[in-house]
Amino acid sequence: MGRFRLSLVWGGILAIVCWPIMQWLGRKWSPRHAQTVLPLVVVSAIALVFVIPVSFLIGSAAGEAQEGAKWIKEAGETGIPEPIWLSKLPWGRAQIEHWWQSNLSNPEGMRALVHKLNPEQALATVEHIGHGVADTVVILCFALLILFFLLRGGNQLIQHINLFILRLLGARGQMAQKQLVGAVRGAMAGLVLVGLGEGVIIGVSYIIAGAPQPLLLGIFTALASMIPMVGGFAVAISALLIAIKGSLGAGIAVGVFGFVILFLADHFIRPVLIGGSIRLPFVWVLLGILGGIETWGLSGLFIGPVLMALAHLIWRFGSMRANGAGMMVGRQSE
C-alpha cells in the first residue's frame, strides 16, 4: 500500500505542476481533443523527456558502477600508483608520499584498506539501491497513470475543490490554496529542475577533466544538488577522484567550477524560484526541505515546503487578525 500511496502523492504533485501546460495546450487545440488526447500527450511527453532518459542513465550508471567495482578489485591486487602531481607538491611531499606508498601503492596496505571498507556491506548497499531504483520505477509508472486521470478530469476536480474550500474556509481558504499550489510548483522548479541543471553543467566539466565514471558522478551530483548545500559533497568527492587519477590541476579546476555553480544557483536562482513564487523567506523553505526529507524521504522535497508555506500563511493571518484587534481596542479607548 505504501508504494501506491507514494504514487498518488507524486501523481498529484505532477498534476499541479503540469496543469498550466494543460491549460496552455487547451487554448491551442480543439475542445474535443482536450479531455483525452491532451492528458495523453502530456503524460507521454513526461515519459519521453524524463522517464526514458533517466532509465537509460540509470542503466549506464549501473555499468559504470560495475567498472568502478572492478577498478577497486584491481587496486586491491596491484595497488594505486602515485600520481605525477604528488612529487611536485611544495610542502608535505615526503609525508604524503610515505603514506601513499604504505597504504595505496602497496598491495598489502591497499587490501587492508579495502577490507576495512567491508566489501560485503558495500555489495549489500548496492543491492539495496538496486531494489530502491526498481521500486522507484514502479512508483513512477503508477504516478503517470494517476496523472493521466487527474489531468483528464482536471476541470471538474478543480471546480469541486474550489467550491469545497470556499464553503469550508472562505476567501482565506482560497488564498491558502493558491499559496500551497505555488509552493509545489516553486519546489519543482527550484529544487528538481535547478538540481538537474547543476548536474548537467558540472557533469560536462567531469567529462572534460577526464573523471572516472563521469556519468555516474554526474547523476550523483544532480541528485545531491536537489537538496540545498548537499551538492558540494558530491563535487568534492568527484574533484578528489580526478586528482587521485593523476591530474591535480583538473581536480582543483573542477572543484572550483562546481562550487561556483552551486553557489550561484543556491544563493540567487533557487531562492527566487522557490521563495519568490510564494513570497516565503528562503530560510523557511530550507527548513521545510530538510525536515521534509528527514520525515518523508524524497517526497519531502515538496511536502516540506508546502507545510512551511501553510505555516507561514497561518502566521500572516494571525498577525493580521492581531493587528486588527489592536486597532479596534485603540479606537475604543479613544
Protein backbone atom coordinates (compact mmCIF):
# COMPACT_ATOMS: atom_id res chain seq x y z
CA MET A 1 0.00 0.00 0.00
CA GLY A 2 2.91 2.34 0.68
CA ARG A 3 4.04 2.30 -2.96
CA PHE A 4 0.58 3.22 -4.24
CA ARG A 5 0.27 5.97 -1.63
CA LEU A 6 3.54 7.44 -2.91
CA SER A 7 2.28 7.06 -6.49
CA LEU A 8 -0.83 9.02 -5.54
CA VAL A 9 1.28 11.76 -3.93
CA TRP A 10 3.61 12.03 -6.93
CA GLY A 11 0.68 11.90 -9.34
CA GLY A 12 -0.88 14.84 -7.51
CA ILE A 13 2.41 16.76 -7.48
CA LEU A 14 2.90 16.23 -11.21
CA ALA A 15 -0.72 17.21 -11.89
CA ILE A 16 -0.27 20.52 -10.03
CA VAL A 17 2.95 21.21 -11.94
CA CYS A 18 1.60 20.19 -15.35
CA TRP A 19 -1.82 21.84 -15.13
CA PRO A 20 -0.65 25.24 -16.52
CA ILE A 21 0.78 23.36 -19.52
CA MET A 22 -2.59 21.62 -19.97
CA GLN A 23 -4.36 24.98 -19.92
CA TRP A 24 -1.94 26.45 -22.46
CA LEU A 25 -2.33 23.47 -24.81
CA GLY A 26 -6.10 23.54 -24.33
CA ARG A 27 -6.20 27.05 -25.81
CA LYS A 28 -4.28 25.83 -28.87
CA TRP A 29 -6.18 22.59 -29.51
CA SER A 30 -9.75 21.77 -30.38
CA PRO A 31 -12.00 21.33 -27.30
CA ARG A 32 -13.00 17.82 -28.36
CA HIS A 33 -9.36 16.73 -28.01
CA ALA A 34 -8.86 18.37 -24.65
CA GLN A 35 -10.36 15.68 -22.42
CA THR A 36 -8.43 12.60 -23.57
CA VAL A 37 -5.78 13.48 -26.15
CA LEU A 38 -4.14 16.33 -24.23
CA PRO A 39 -3.62 14.34 -21.00
CA LEU A 40 -2.17 11.52 -23.08
CA VAL A 41 0.18 13.94 -24.85
CA VAL A 42 1.38 15.48 -21.56
CA VAL A 43 1.93 12.10 -19.88
CA SER A 44 3.74 10.76 -22.96
CA ALA A 45 5.93 13.87 -23.07
CA ILE A 46 6.90 13.40 -19.42
CA ALA A 47 7.73 9.76 -20.11
CA LEU A 48 9.84 10.67 -23.15
CA VAL A 49 11.62 13.64 -21.58
CA PHE A 50 12.26 12.25 -18.10
CA VAL A 51 11.43 8.59 -17.53
CA ILE A 52 13.08 7.05 -20.60
CA PRO A 53 16.30 9.15 -20.44
CA VAL A 54 16.55 8.63 -16.68
CA SER A 55 16.12 4.87 -17.17
CA PHE A 56 18.91 4.95 -19.77
CA LEU A 57 21.15 6.96 -17.45
CA ILE A 58 20.46 4.57 -14.58
CA GLY A 59 21.42 1.64 -16.80
CA SER A 60 24.60 3.39 -17.91
CA ALA A 61 25.39 4.34 -14.32
CA ALA A 62 24.94 0.71 -13.29
CA GLY A 63 27.51 -0.30 -15.93
CA GLU A 64 29.91 2.37 -14.70
CA ALA A 65 29.36 1.20 -11.13
CA GLN A 66 30.44 -2.29 -12.20
CA GLU A 67 33.57 -0.80 -13.78
CA GLY A 68 34.21 1.08 -10.55
CA ALA A 69 33.88 -2.13 -8.55
CA LYS A 70 36.31 -3.82 -10.95
CA TRP A 71 38.76 -0.94 -10.50
CA ILE A 72 38.54 -1.28 -6.70
CA LYS A 73 39.21 -5.01 -7.00
CA GLU A 74 42.24 -4.45 -9.24
CA ALA A 75 43.50 -1.74 -6.88
CA GLY A 76 43.30 -4.23 -4.04
CA GLU A 77 45.50 -6.63 -6.01
CA THR A 78 48.08 -4.27 -7.52
CA GLY A 79 47.73 -1.04 -5.54
CA ILE A 80 47.25 2.51 -6.83
CA PRO A 81 50.36 4.10 -8.38
CA GLU A 82 51.44 7.52 -7.18
CA PRO A 83 50.04 10.37 -9.30
CA ILE A 84 52.53 12.61 -11.09
CA TRP A 85 51.48 15.73 -9.19
CA LEU A 86 52.44 14.15 -5.87
CA SER A 87 56.16 14.72 -6.48
CA LYS A 88 55.51 18.40 -7.30
CA LEU A 89 53.84 19.37 -4.03
CA PRO A 90 55.53 22.42 -2.46
CA TRP A 91 55.10 21.13 1.12
CA GLY A 92 54.27 17.90 2.88
CA ARG A 93 55.52 15.85 -0.06
CA ALA A 94 57.61 13.37 1.94
CA GLN A 95 54.85 12.62 4.44
CA ILE A 96 52.18 12.20 1.76
CA GLU A 97 54.45 10.02 -0.40
CA HIS A 98 55.23 7.81 2.60
CA TRP A 99 51.55 7.42 3.44
CA TRP A 100 50.66 6.73 -0.21
CA GLN A 101 53.35 4.09 -0.60
CA SER A 102 52.40 2.41 2.67
CA ASN A 103 48.63 2.37 2.13
CA LEU A 104 47.79 2.77 -1.55
CA SER A 105 50.77 1.75 -3.69
CA ASN A 106 51.49 -1.30 -1.53
CA PRO A 107 49.04 -4.12 -2.44
CA GLU A 108 49.01 -5.40 1.14
CA GLY A 109 48.16 -1.96 2.52
CA MET A 110 45.54 -1.49 -0.19
CA ARG A 111 43.97 -4.87 0.57
CA ALA A 112 43.81 -3.94 4.25
CA LEU A 113 42.16 -0.65 3.33
CA VAL A 114 39.62 -2.38 1.06
CA HIS A 115 38.95 -4.91 3.81
CA LYS A 116 38.20 -2.05 6.22
CA LEU A 117 35.64 -0.76 3.75
CA ASN A 118 33.76 -4.08 4.17
CA PRO A 119 33.07 -5.11 0.53
CA GLU A 120 30.20 -7.38 1.59
CA GLN A 121 28.41 -4.48 3.21
CA ALA A 122 29.11 -2.32 0.15
CA LEU A 123 27.65 -5.04 -2.09
CA ALA A 124 24.57 -5.25 0.12
CA THR A 125 24.24 -1.47 -0.12
CA VAL A 126 24.44 -1.62 -3.92
CA GLU A 127 21.77 -4.34 -3.99
CA HIS A 128 19.59 -2.24 -1.69
CA ILE A 129 20.00 0.73 -4.03
CA GLY A 130 19.07 -1.50 -6.97
CA HIS A 131 15.87 -2.59 -5.26
CA GLY A 132 15.16 1.05 -4.44
CA VAL A 133 15.58 2.02 -8.10
CA ALA A 134 13.18 -0.75 -9.15
CA ASP A 135 10.63 0.41 -6.59
CA THR A 136 11.01 3.98 -7.82
CA VAL A 137 10.33 2.92 -11.42
CA VAL A 138 7.15 1.12 -10.32
CA ILE A 139 6.04 4.17 -8.30
CA LEU A 140 6.67 6.48 -11.26
CA CYS A 141 4.71 4.25 -13.65
CA PHE A 142 1.67 4.27 -11.38
CA ALA A 143 2.16 8.01 -10.79
CA LEU A 144 1.97 8.63 -14.55
CA LEU A 145 -1.22 6.56 -14.72
CA ILE A 146 -2.74 8.59 -11.87
CA LEU A 147 -1.53 11.79 -13.55
CA PHE A 148 -3.44 10.90 -16.73
CA PHE A 149 -6.75 10.54 -14.91
CA LEU A 150 -6.17 13.67 -12.81
CA LEU A 151 -5.48 15.72 -15.94
CA ARG A 152 -8.40 14.12 -17.75
CA GLY A 153 -10.87 15.22 -15.09
CA GLY A 154 -8.94 18.28 -14.01
CA ASN A 155 -11.58 20.94 -14.69
CA GLN A 156 -14.31 19.18 -12.73
CA LEU A 157 -11.88 18.30 -9.92
CA ILE A 158 -10.69 21.90 -9.59
CA GLN A 159 -14.28 23.18 -9.50
CA HIS A 160 -15.19 20.75 -6.72
CA ILE A 161 -12.04 21.60 -4.72
CA ASN A 162 -12.60 25.35 -5.07
CA LEU A 163 -16.24 25.05 -4.02
CA PHE A 164 -15.34 22.86 -1.04
CA ILE A 165 -12.61 25.23 0.15
CA LEU A 166 -14.82 28.29 -0.36
CA ARG A 167 -17.64 26.82 1.72
CA LEU A 168 -15.34 25.47 4.42
CA LEU A 169 -12.77 28.26 4.81
CA GLY A 170 -14.00 31.17 2.74
CA ALA A 171 -11.76 33.61 0.87
CA ARG A 172 -8.76 32.90 3.10
CA GLY A 173 -9.01 29.24 2.20
CA GLN A 174 -8.73 30.11 -1.48
CA MET A 175 -5.70 32.26 -0.68
CA ALA A 176 -4.14 29.33 1.17
CA GLN A 177 -4.86 27.06 -1.79
CA LYS A 178 -3.01 29.39 -4.16
CA GLN A 179 -0.11 29.55 -1.70
CA LEU A 180 0.18 25.76 -1.50
CA VAL A 181 -0.05 25.29 -5.27
CA GLY A 182 2.66 27.92 -5.71
CA ALA A 183 4.81 26.10 -3.16
CA VAL A 184 4.59 22.83 -5.11
CA ARG A 185 5.42 24.49 -8.43
CA GLY A 186 8.21 26.53 -6.89
CA ALA A 187 9.71 23.42 -5.31
CA MET A 188 9.65 21.59 -8.64
CA ALA A 189 11.35 24.47 -10.45
CA GLY A 190 13.77 25.45 -7.69
CA LEU A 191 14.80 22.00 -6.48
CA VAL A 192 14.37 19.40 -9.21
CA LEU A 193 14.97 21.46 -12.35
CA VAL A 194 17.78 23.54 -10.85
CA GLY A 195 19.38 20.39 -9.42
CA LEU A 196 19.24 18.67 -12.81
CA GLY A 197 20.70 21.76 -14.45
CA GLU A 198 23.56 21.85 -11.95
CA GLY A 199 24.20 18.15 -12.54
CA VAL A 200 24.35 18.63 -16.32
CA ILE A 201 26.65 21.68 -16.21
CA ILE A 202 29.02 20.23 -13.62
CA GLY A 203 28.82 16.81 -15.30
CA VAL A 204 30.20 18.34 -18.50
CA SER A 205 33.21 19.54 -16.51
CA TYR A 206 33.70 15.96 -15.25
CA ILE A 207 33.87 14.71 -18.82
CA ILE A 208 36.29 17.47 -19.89
CA ALA A 209 38.53 16.80 -16.87
CA GLY A 210 38.60 13.05 -17.58
CA ALA A 211 36.87 11.95 -14.38
CA PRO A 212 36.46 8.20 -13.81
CA GLN A 213 32.84 7.18 -14.48
CA PRO A 214 31.72 10.77 -15.30
CA LEU A 215 28.11 9.76 -15.99
CA LEU A 216 27.74 8.12 -12.60
CA LEU A 217 29.31 11.13 -10.88
CA GLY A 218 27.08 13.49 -12.86
CA ILE A 219 23.92 11.66 -11.76
CA PHE A 220 25.18 11.62 -8.18
CA THR A 221 25.83 15.37 -8.35
CA ALA A 222 22.40 16.10 -9.86
CA LEU A 223 20.58 14.12 -7.18
CA ALA A 224 22.65 15.66 -4.39
CA SER A 225 22.20 19.17 -5.80
CA MET A 226 18.41 18.89 -5.47
CA ILE A 227 18.97 19.33 -1.73
CA PRO A 228 20.46 22.75 -0.86
CA MET A 229 24.04 22.64 0.48
CA VAL A 230 24.43 18.90 -0.25
CA GLY A 231 25.69 19.18 -3.83
CA GLY A 232 29.08 20.40 -2.61
CA PHE A 233 29.68 16.98 -1.07
CA ALA A 234 29.30 15.32 -4.48
CA VAL A 235 31.53 17.92 -6.15
CA ALA A 236 34.26 17.44 -3.52
CA ILE A 237 34.25 13.65 -3.99
CA SER A 238 34.40 13.98 -7.78
CA ALA A 239 37.25 16.51 -7.64
CA LEU A 240 39.17 14.23 -5.28
CA LEU A 241 38.76 11.27 -7.64
CA ILE A 242 40.01 13.36 -10.56
CA ALA A 243 43.04 14.46 -8.53
CA ILE A 244 43.81 10.87 -7.46
CA LYS A 245 43.60 9.70 -11.06
CA GLY A 246 46.58 11.88 -11.88
CA SER A 247 45.60 15.48 -12.63
CA LEU A 248 45.73 17.75 -9.58
CA GLY A 249 45.08 20.89 -11.65
CA ALA A 250 41.99 19.38 -13.27
CA GLY A 251 40.70 18.28 -9.87
CA ILE A 252 41.13 21.77 -8.42
CA ALA A 253 39.55 23.37 -11.51
CA VAL A 254 36.52 21.07 -11.33
CA GLY A 255 36.15 21.71 -7.61
CA VAL A 256 36.28 25.50 -8.01
CA PHE A 257 33.95 25.46 -11.03
CA GLY A 258 31.46 23.17 -9.32
CA PHE A 259 31.34 25.21 -6.12
CA VAL A 260 30.87 28.44 -8.11
CA ILE A 261 27.91 26.91 -9.99
CA LEU A 262 26.40 25.62 -6.74
CA PHE A 263 26.91 28.99 -5.02
CA LEU A 264 25.21 30.93 -7.82
CA ALA A 265 22.30 28.50 -8.05
CA ASP A 266 21.73 28.15 -4.29
CA HIS A 267 22.02 31.86 -3.47
CA PHE A 268 20.44 33.57 -6.49
CA ILE A 269 18.38 31.25 -8.71
CA ARG A 270 16.85 28.82 -6.21
CA PRO A 271 15.58 31.40 -3.66
CA VAL A 272 13.83 33.35 -6.43
CA LEU A 273 12.15 30.27 -7.92
CA ILE A 274 11.04 28.77 -4.59
CA GLY A 275 10.57 31.62 -2.16
CA GLY A 276 9.67 34.25 -4.75
CA SER A 277 6.75 32.27 -6.16
CA ILE A 278 5.07 32.03 -2.73
CA ARG A 279 6.64 35.09 -1.01
CA LEU A 280 8.21 32.82 1.58
CA PRO A 281 11.60 33.57 3.22
CA PHE A 282 14.19 31.13 1.93
CA VAL A 283 15.17 30.06 5.44
CA TRP A 284 11.61 28.76 5.89
CA VAL A 285 11.92 26.90 2.59
CA LEU A 286 15.26 25.41 3.62
CA LEU A 287 13.88 24.20 6.96
CA GLY A 288 10.89 22.72 5.16
CA ILE A 289 13.09 20.88 2.66
CA LEU A 290 15.46 19.39 5.21
CA GLY A 291 12.69 18.48 7.64
CA GLY A 292 10.56 17.05 4.85
CA ILE A 293 13.36 14.83 3.55
CA GLU A 294 14.09 13.57 7.06
CA THR A 295 10.42 12.71 7.63
CA TRP A 296 9.05 11.65 4.23
CA GLY A 297 12.12 10.93 2.12
CA LEU A 298 12.17 12.18 -1.48
CA SER A 299 8.52 13.25 -1.33
CA GLY A 300 9.52 15.60 1.48
CA LEU A 301 11.20 17.83 -1.12
CA PHE A 302 7.66 19.01 -1.93
CA ILE A 303 5.69 18.21 1.22
CA GLY A 304 8.10 20.15 3.46
CA PRO A 305 7.91 23.50 1.58
CA VAL A 306 4.12 23.11 1.25
CA LEU A 307 3.71 22.70 5.01
CA MET A 308 6.06 25.61 5.70
CA ALA A 309 4.09 27.76 3.23
CA LEU A 310 0.90 26.83 5.08
CA ALA A 311 2.51 27.62 8.45
CA HIS A 312 3.75 30.98 7.12
CA LEU A 313 0.29 31.78 5.79
CA ILE A 314 -1.33 30.94 9.15
CA TRP A 315 1.25 33.19 10.80
CA ARG A 316 0.32 36.04 8.46
CA PHE A 317 -3.39 35.54 9.05
CA GLY A 318 -2.82 35.53 12.81
CA SER A 319 -0.72 38.70 12.60
CA MET A 320 -3.38 40.44 10.50
CA ARG A 321 -6.08 39.44 12.99
CA ALA A 322 -3.95 40.59 15.94
CA ASN A 323 -3.26 43.93 14.27
CA GLY A 324 -6.94 44.36 13.51
CA ALA A 325 -7.90 43.59 17.10
CA GLY A 326 -5.27 46.04 18.37
CA MET A 327 -6.64 48.80 16.16
CA MET A 328 -10.19 48.14 17.42
CA VAL A 329 -9.03 48.32 21.05
CA GLY A 330 -7.20 51.57 20.35
CA ARG A 331 -10.27 53.15 18.79
CA GLN A 332 -12.49 52.08 21.70
CA SER A 333 -10.05 53.57 24.22
CA GLU A 334 -10.17 56.86 22.39
